Protein backbone atom coordinates (compact mmCIF):
# COMPACT_ATOMS: atom_id res chain seq x y z
CA MET A 1 54.93 -8.64 103.85
CA THR A 2 52.14 -5.81 104.62
CA PRO A 3 51.96 -2.38 102.96
CA GLU A 4 52.19 -1.11 106.50
CA LEU A 5 55.79 -2.65 106.91
CA VAL A 6 56.71 -1.03 103.59
CA ALA A 7 55.71 2.37 104.53
CA GLU A 8 57.42 2.01 108.04
CA VAL A 9 60.58 0.80 106.32
CA LEU A 10 60.38 3.75 103.55
CA GLU A 11 59.93 6.29 106.57
CA LYS A 12 62.73 4.79 108.57
CA CYS A 13 65.11 5.03 105.52
CA GLY A 14 64.19 8.63 104.68
CA ILE A 15 62.53 7.72 101.39
CA ARG A 16 59.67 9.80 100.17
CA ASP A 17 58.08 10.25 96.62
CA LYS A 18 58.95 13.79 95.44
CA LYS A 19 58.32 13.85 91.81
CA PRO A 20 54.84 13.71 90.49
CA GLY A 21 54.04 11.06 88.10
CA ALA A 22 57.19 8.98 88.98
CA LEU A 23 56.95 5.31 89.86
CA PRO A 24 56.20 5.48 93.77
CA ALA A 25 58.74 4.10 96.34
CA GLY A 26 56.26 1.60 97.93
CA PHE A 27 55.48 0.02 94.49
CA MET A 28 58.94 -0.26 93.74
CA VAL A 29 59.60 -2.32 96.60
CA TYR A 30 57.14 -4.90 95.55
CA PHE A 31 58.42 -4.59 92.10
CA THR A 32 62.13 -5.22 93.24
CA LEU A 33 60.94 -8.21 95.04
CA ALA A 34 59.07 -9.48 92.05
CA LEU A 35 62.29 -9.19 90.10
CA ALA A 36 63.78 -11.53 92.33
CA LEU A 37 60.67 -13.88 92.37
CA PHE A 38 60.52 -13.95 88.59
CA GLN A 39 64.41 -13.88 88.04
CA GLN A 40 64.13 -15.01 84.40
CA ASP A 41 61.47 -12.56 83.26
CA SER A 42 62.00 -9.21 81.93
CA TYR A 43 61.13 -5.86 83.53
CA ASP A 44 58.04 -5.78 81.23
CA ASP A 45 56.95 -9.32 82.22
CA VAL A 46 57.33 -8.61 85.74
CA ALA A 47 55.47 -5.68 85.70
CA GLU A 48 52.77 -7.43 83.89
CA GLN A 49 52.67 -10.10 86.61
CA LEU A 50 52.19 -7.34 89.28
CA VAL A 51 49.69 -4.98 87.51
CA GLY A 52 48.18 -7.19 84.47
CA SER A 53 44.84 -7.84 86.25
CA ILE A 54 44.37 -4.22 87.14
CA GLN A 55 42.52 -2.64 84.13
CA GLU A 56 43.59 0.95 84.88
CA LEU A 57 47.27 0.22 85.18
CA SER A 58 47.87 -2.74 82.50
CA GLY A 59 47.69 -0.23 79.69
CA SER A 60 50.25 2.02 81.02
CA ILE A 61 53.43 0.23 82.07
CA PRO A 62 56.55 2.49 82.05
CA ASN A 63 59.69 1.37 79.94
CA LYS A 64 62.78 -0.29 81.30
CA SER A 65 64.74 2.81 81.86
CA SER A 66 61.86 4.40 84.26
CA PHE A 67 62.16 1.17 86.24
CA THR A 68 65.86 1.39 86.48
CA ARG A 69 65.74 5.08 87.54
CA ALA A 70 62.92 4.18 90.17
CA ARG A 71 65.31 1.31 91.48
CA ARG A 72 68.28 4.01 91.85
CA ARG A 73 65.86 6.08 93.77
CA LEU A 74 65.03 3.29 96.04
CA GLY A 75 68.55 2.21 96.68
CA PRO A 76 69.72 -0.84 98.56
CA LEU A 77 69.10 0.26 102.16
CA VAL A 78 65.42 -0.28 101.90
CA LEU A 79 65.29 -3.79 100.93
CA GLU A 80 68.25 -4.53 103.53
CA THR A 81 66.05 -2.79 106.12
CA VAL A 82 63.04 -5.00 105.02
CA PHE A 83 65.17 -8.06 105.46
CA ARG A 84 66.27 -7.13 108.86
CA GLU A 85 62.65 -6.34 109.99
CA LEU A 86 61.49 -9.95 108.78
CA ALA A 87 64.46 -12.07 109.32
CA ASP A 88 64.01 -14.18 112.73
CA PRO A 89 64.06 -17.72 113.87
CA LEU A 90 61.00 -19.41 113.01
CA ALA A 91 61.19 -22.88 114.50
CA PRO A 92 58.80 -23.17 117.86
CA VAL A 93 60.57 -24.58 120.73
CA GLY A 94 61.25 -28.44 120.59
CA LEU A 95 60.83 -28.71 116.64
CA GLU A 96 63.15 -31.53 115.79
CA GLY A 97 66.43 -30.64 114.27
CA SER A 98 66.11 -27.14 115.45
CA PHE A 99 67.26 -27.49 118.98
CA TYR A 100 70.20 -29.21 121.06
CA ARG A 101 69.43 -29.65 124.55
CA GLY A 102 67.32 -26.60 124.75
CA ILE A 103 69.75 -24.54 122.46
CA ARG A 104 68.78 -23.27 118.92
CA LEU A 105 70.81 -24.36 116.15
CA ALA A 106 71.95 -22.36 113.45
CA ALA A 107 74.86 -22.40 110.88
CA VAL A 108 77.02 -19.79 109.11
CA ASP A 109 78.24 -20.26 105.58
CA GLY A 110 78.61 -18.26 102.47
CA PHE A 111 77.69 -18.32 98.85
CA VAL A 112 78.63 -16.07 95.89
CA LEU A 113 76.26 -14.76 93.01
CA ASP A 114 77.44 -13.81 89.40
CA ALA A 115 76.76 -10.14 88.72
CA PRO A 116 76.79 -8.59 85.09
CA ASP A 117 80.48 -8.02 83.88
CA THR A 118 80.50 -4.00 84.01
CA PRO A 119 83.46 -2.23 84.91
CA ALA A 120 81.50 -0.86 88.11
CA ASN A 121 80.46 -4.28 89.35
CA ARG A 122 84.25 -5.48 88.96
CA THR A 123 85.55 -2.67 90.59
CA ALA A 124 83.13 -2.98 93.45
CA PHE A 125 82.96 -6.56 93.82
CA GLY A 126 86.01 -8.25 92.23
CA GLY A 127 85.65 -11.75 90.91
CA PRO A 128 87.68 -14.94 90.07
CA VAL A 129 91.21 -14.23 88.20
CA LYS A 130 93.26 -16.58 86.33
CA ASN A 131 97.07 -15.48 85.19
CA GLY A 132 96.14 -12.16 86.00
CA GLN A 133 93.25 -11.83 84.01
CA PRO A 134 89.16 -11.88 84.85
CA ALA A 135 88.07 -15.60 84.63
CA GLY A 136 84.35 -15.32 84.86
CA PHE A 137 81.79 -12.79 86.20
CA PRO A 138 82.23 -10.38 89.10
CA GLN A 139 80.79 -12.21 92.09
CA VAL A 140 78.87 -10.85 95.22
CA ARG A 141 79.87 -12.71 98.46
CA VAL A 142 77.10 -13.35 100.88
CA VAL A 143 77.37 -14.81 104.24
CA THR A 144 74.01 -15.87 106.22
CA LEU A 145 73.20 -17.09 109.80
CA THR A 146 70.67 -19.86 108.96
CA GLU A 147 68.21 -21.61 111.21
CA CYS A 148 69.08 -25.24 110.72
CA GLY A 149 65.71 -26.78 111.26
CA THR A 150 63.64 -24.21 108.91
CA HIS A 151 66.25 -22.83 106.58
CA ALA A 152 65.12 -19.28 107.61
CA GLN A 153 67.76 -16.65 107.21
CA ILE A 154 68.18 -15.01 110.83
CA ASP A 155 70.78 -12.63 109.43
CA ALA A 156 72.99 -11.81 106.38
CA ALA A 157 75.96 -9.63 105.43
CA VAL A 158 76.83 -8.93 101.75
CA GLY A 159 80.28 -8.09 100.38
CA GLY A 160 82.58 -8.87 97.49
CA PHE A 161 84.25 -11.80 96.05
CA ASN A 162 87.66 -10.58 97.28
CA GLY A 163 86.44 -9.91 100.71
CA GLY A 164 86.63 -12.58 103.28
CA GLU A 165 83.79 -14.80 104.52
CA ARG A 166 85.23 -14.86 108.11
CA GLU A 167 84.98 -10.91 108.28
CA LEU A 168 81.17 -11.14 107.07
CA ALA A 169 80.55 -13.98 109.60
CA ILE A 170 81.93 -11.90 112.33
CA ALA A 171 79.42 -9.08 111.31
CA LEU A 172 76.64 -11.49 112.13
CA SER A 173 77.49 -12.56 115.63
CA ALA A 174 75.24 -9.95 117.43
CA SER A 175 72.22 -12.23 115.95
CA ALA A 176 73.47 -15.35 117.30
CA SER A 177 72.82 -14.93 120.97
CA LYS A 178 71.52 -18.11 122.88
CA MET A 179 72.26 -20.32 119.61
CA LEU A 180 74.88 -22.97 118.97
CA VAL A 181 76.25 -21.92 115.64
CA ILE A 182 77.91 -24.47 113.41
CA MET A 183 80.70 -23.50 110.89
CA ASP A 184 83.05 -25.27 108.47
CA ARG A 185 86.84 -25.06 108.57
CA GLY A 186 87.28 -21.85 106.76
CA PHE A 187 86.01 -19.83 109.76
CA PRO A 188 88.00 -20.69 113.01
CA GLY A 189 89.74 -17.43 114.38
CA VAL A 190 90.16 -15.76 117.87
CA GLU A 191 88.34 -12.57 116.68
CA LEU A 192 85.35 -14.61 115.27
CA TRP A 193 85.43 -16.76 118.52
CA LYS A 194 85.47 -14.04 120.96
CA ALA A 195 82.61 -12.21 118.90
CA TYR A 196 80.11 -14.90 119.15
CA LEU A 197 80.94 -15.91 122.66
CA GLY A 198 80.83 -12.08 123.64
CA ALA A 199 77.32 -12.05 122.02
CA GLY A 200 76.16 -15.11 124.08
CA ALA A 201 76.45 -17.63 121.55
CA HIS A 202 77.79 -21.25 121.53
CA LEU A 203 80.17 -22.53 118.82
CA LEU A 204 80.94 -25.89 116.90
CA ILE A 205 83.36 -25.17 114.21
CA ARG A 206 85.43 -27.74 112.04
CA ALA A 207 89.18 -26.79 111.91
CA ARG A 208 92.28 -27.82 110.19
CA SER A 209 94.94 -29.95 111.81
CA PRO A 210 97.16 -27.37 113.00
CA VAL A 211 94.69 -25.32 114.99
CA ALA A 212 94.67 -25.93 118.72
CA HIS A 213 96.69 -29.08 118.12
CA ARG A 214 98.55 -29.10 121.44
CA PRO A 215 96.54 -30.58 124.27
CA VAL A 216 96.39 -28.44 127.41
CA GLU A 217 94.29 -30.81 129.47
CA HIS A 218 93.12 -34.39 128.36
CA LEU A 219 89.28 -35.05 129.17
CA PRO A 220 87.93 -38.40 130.37
CA ASP A 221 86.18 -38.94 127.07
CA GLY A 222 89.02 -38.65 124.98
CA THR A 223 88.66 -35.13 123.83
CA TYR A 224 90.89 -32.32 125.08
CA LEU A 225 91.29 -28.70 125.70
CA GLY A 226 93.67 -26.72 123.60
CA ARG A 227 94.33 -23.06 122.93
CA MET A 228 93.78 -21.27 119.58
CA ASN A 229 95.85 -18.44 118.84
CA LEU A 230 95.25 -15.06 117.35
CA ALA A 231 95.84 -16.34 113.71
CA GLY A 232 93.78 -19.37 114.22
CA GLN A 233 96.96 -21.60 113.76
CA LYS A 234 99.19 -23.70 115.89
CA GLY A 235 101.18 -22.66 118.84
CA ALA A 236 100.38 -20.80 122.12
CA HIS A 237 99.72 -17.19 122.48
CA PRO A 238 98.57 -15.11 125.26
CA GLY A 239 95.70 -13.66 123.23
CA GLY A 240 94.35 -17.03 122.29
CA VAL A 241 91.22 -18.88 123.42
CA LEU A 242 90.65 -22.06 125.43
CA VAL A 243 88.55 -24.55 123.27
CA ARG A 244 87.60 -28.03 123.47
CA VAL A 245 88.86 -30.42 120.43
CA ILE A 246 86.87 -33.28 119.24
CA GLU A 247 88.35 -35.76 116.84
CA TYR A 248 86.62 -38.66 114.77
CA ARG A 249 86.52 -40.45 111.50
CA VAL A 250 83.45 -41.13 109.57
CA ASN A 251 83.98 -44.70 107.78
CA GLY A 252 87.59 -44.73 108.12
CA GLY A 253 88.00 -41.48 106.30
CA GLU A 254 90.05 -38.33 107.29
CA VAL A 255 90.16 -37.11 110.67
CA VAL A 256 87.36 -34.59 111.56
CA ARG A 257 88.36 -32.05 114.20
CA LEU A 258 85.62 -29.89 115.74
CA LEU A 259 86.42 -26.98 118.10
CA THR A 260 83.59 -25.85 120.71
CA ASP A 261 83.07 -23.70 123.90
CA LEU A 262 80.93 -26.49 125.50
CA LEU A 263 83.57 -27.53 127.55
CA ASP A 264 81.84 -30.14 129.78
CA PRO A 265 82.15 -33.71 128.31
CA VAL A 266 79.47 -34.89 130.84
CA ALA A 267 76.79 -32.15 129.93
CA TYR A 268 77.88 -32.07 126.29
CA PRO A 269 78.91 -35.62 125.08
CA ALA A 270 81.53 -35.70 122.34
CA ALA A 271 79.34 -38.11 120.23
CA GLU A 272 76.42 -35.75 120.24
CA LEU A 273 78.27 -33.06 119.13
CA ALA A 274 80.09 -34.91 116.37
CA GLY A 275 76.34 -35.96 115.19
CA LEU A 276 75.44 -32.51 115.13
CA TYR A 277 77.95 -31.07 112.62
CA HIS A 278 76.18 -32.46 109.59
CA ALA A 279 73.41 -30.04 110.36
CA ARG A 280 75.93 -27.49 108.94
CA TRP A 281 74.57 -28.59 105.55
CA GLU A 282 71.05 -27.07 106.41
CA ALA A 283 72.62 -23.85 105.33
CA GLU A 284 74.02 -25.36 102.01
CA SER A 285 70.37 -26.44 101.42
CA ALA A 286 69.11 -23.00 102.09
CA PHE A 287 71.57 -21.44 99.50
CA ARG A 288 70.44 -24.09 96.88
CA GLN A 289 66.79 -22.99 97.18
CA ILE A 290 68.00 -19.24 96.47
CA LYS A 291 70.69 -20.26 93.94
CA THR A 292 69.00 -23.08 92.00
CA PHE A 293 65.14 -22.71 92.44
CA GLN A 294 64.58 -19.10 93.14
CA ARG A 295 67.32 -17.32 90.96
CA GLY A 296 67.72 -20.25 88.34
CA PRO A 297 70.88 -22.36 88.09
CA THR A 298 72.58 -20.47 85.25
CA GLU A 299 70.99 -16.96 85.73
CA VAL A 300 73.40 -13.88 86.26
CA LEU A 301 71.96 -10.93 88.43
CA ARG A 302 70.27 -8.29 86.39
CA SER A 303 71.99 -5.19 87.65
CA GLY A 304 75.10 -3.18 86.00
CA ASP A 305 75.50 -0.94 89.12
CA PRO A 306 76.74 -2.03 92.36
CA ASP A 307 74.01 -0.32 94.45
CA LEU A 308 71.36 -2.08 92.50
CA VAL A 309 73.20 -5.39 92.72
CA ARG A 310 73.25 -4.91 96.43
CA GLN A 311 69.33 -4.13 96.10
CA GLU A 312 68.74 -7.17 94.14
CA VAL A 313 70.62 -9.72 96.63
CA TRP A 314 68.73 -8.22 99.56
CA ALA A 315 65.47 -8.72 97.55
CA HIS A 316 66.40 -12.40 96.99
CA LEU A 317 67.04 -12.86 100.64
CA VAL A 318 63.70 -11.20 101.59
CA VAL A 319 61.88 -13.67 98.96
CA HIS A 320 63.57 -16.61 100.51
CA HIS A 321 62.54 -15.60 103.97
CA CYS A 322 58.92 -14.98 102.93
CA LEU A 323 58.80 -18.35 100.95
CA THR A 324 60.11 -20.18 104.14
């Protein structure tokens, strides 16, 4: 990530240094990324990592409050824009595990990160509740579009614990053009289906048993065509969508039901699509890289202010993409 890119992003976001002697915005982009890279270190230690070997700077590291004010001036949009400038598929054509019959494979899934328990964070993000009382930290919800073969994040959306994964997933649809996107059973819905197909993507989504359970047409390979209605539940509806349903068991376990828009059983054999579904777990592997190795398995984000929490999350996503 070059200084030229940082300068372009700051210009695009309208961020300019106005106060003489204040920590410059360009430096703060790198400092915020370093906070994500060294999650378990203090502000002073992170600053030392950045400038400790530069003699004229190492003796005048500002205090934490100065860094916090500078982070507020920077805001969350700059780090989000940096992510969007960098995020892209990385797999070259033909890389094993990255393509199916020439279609790039991606997965959509989500995870949550704990934020400090401040009134502002709890109001902005929400969190787990038990018997009407908070039961843990406020949590930020992140949903990503992840390239299966490389774990590269192609796009991401950030929201709160109380928001739904499906709504965040719909926001990623425009980035999925010409990809086969795999999702778990929490995501099926007509709005999502139309958004991804409208963007030129293909879908392979696990579904619960009531979804599209009535065959409209049986296909020769044992799969069938069915309709998913506007609620993603059973029954017919004029606003629904036609899907192909693939059902199978793994080692005699529960029935796995997959929905896909790849309707031709000859061009897209059911056994091949069933075999592809496990690639969804590549998104989980990417999340583990962020949550366990990069952030630390028991770490809470640093920021007590919602905008700084969002800034921090985007910084983690930028660092993960750069490391990938």
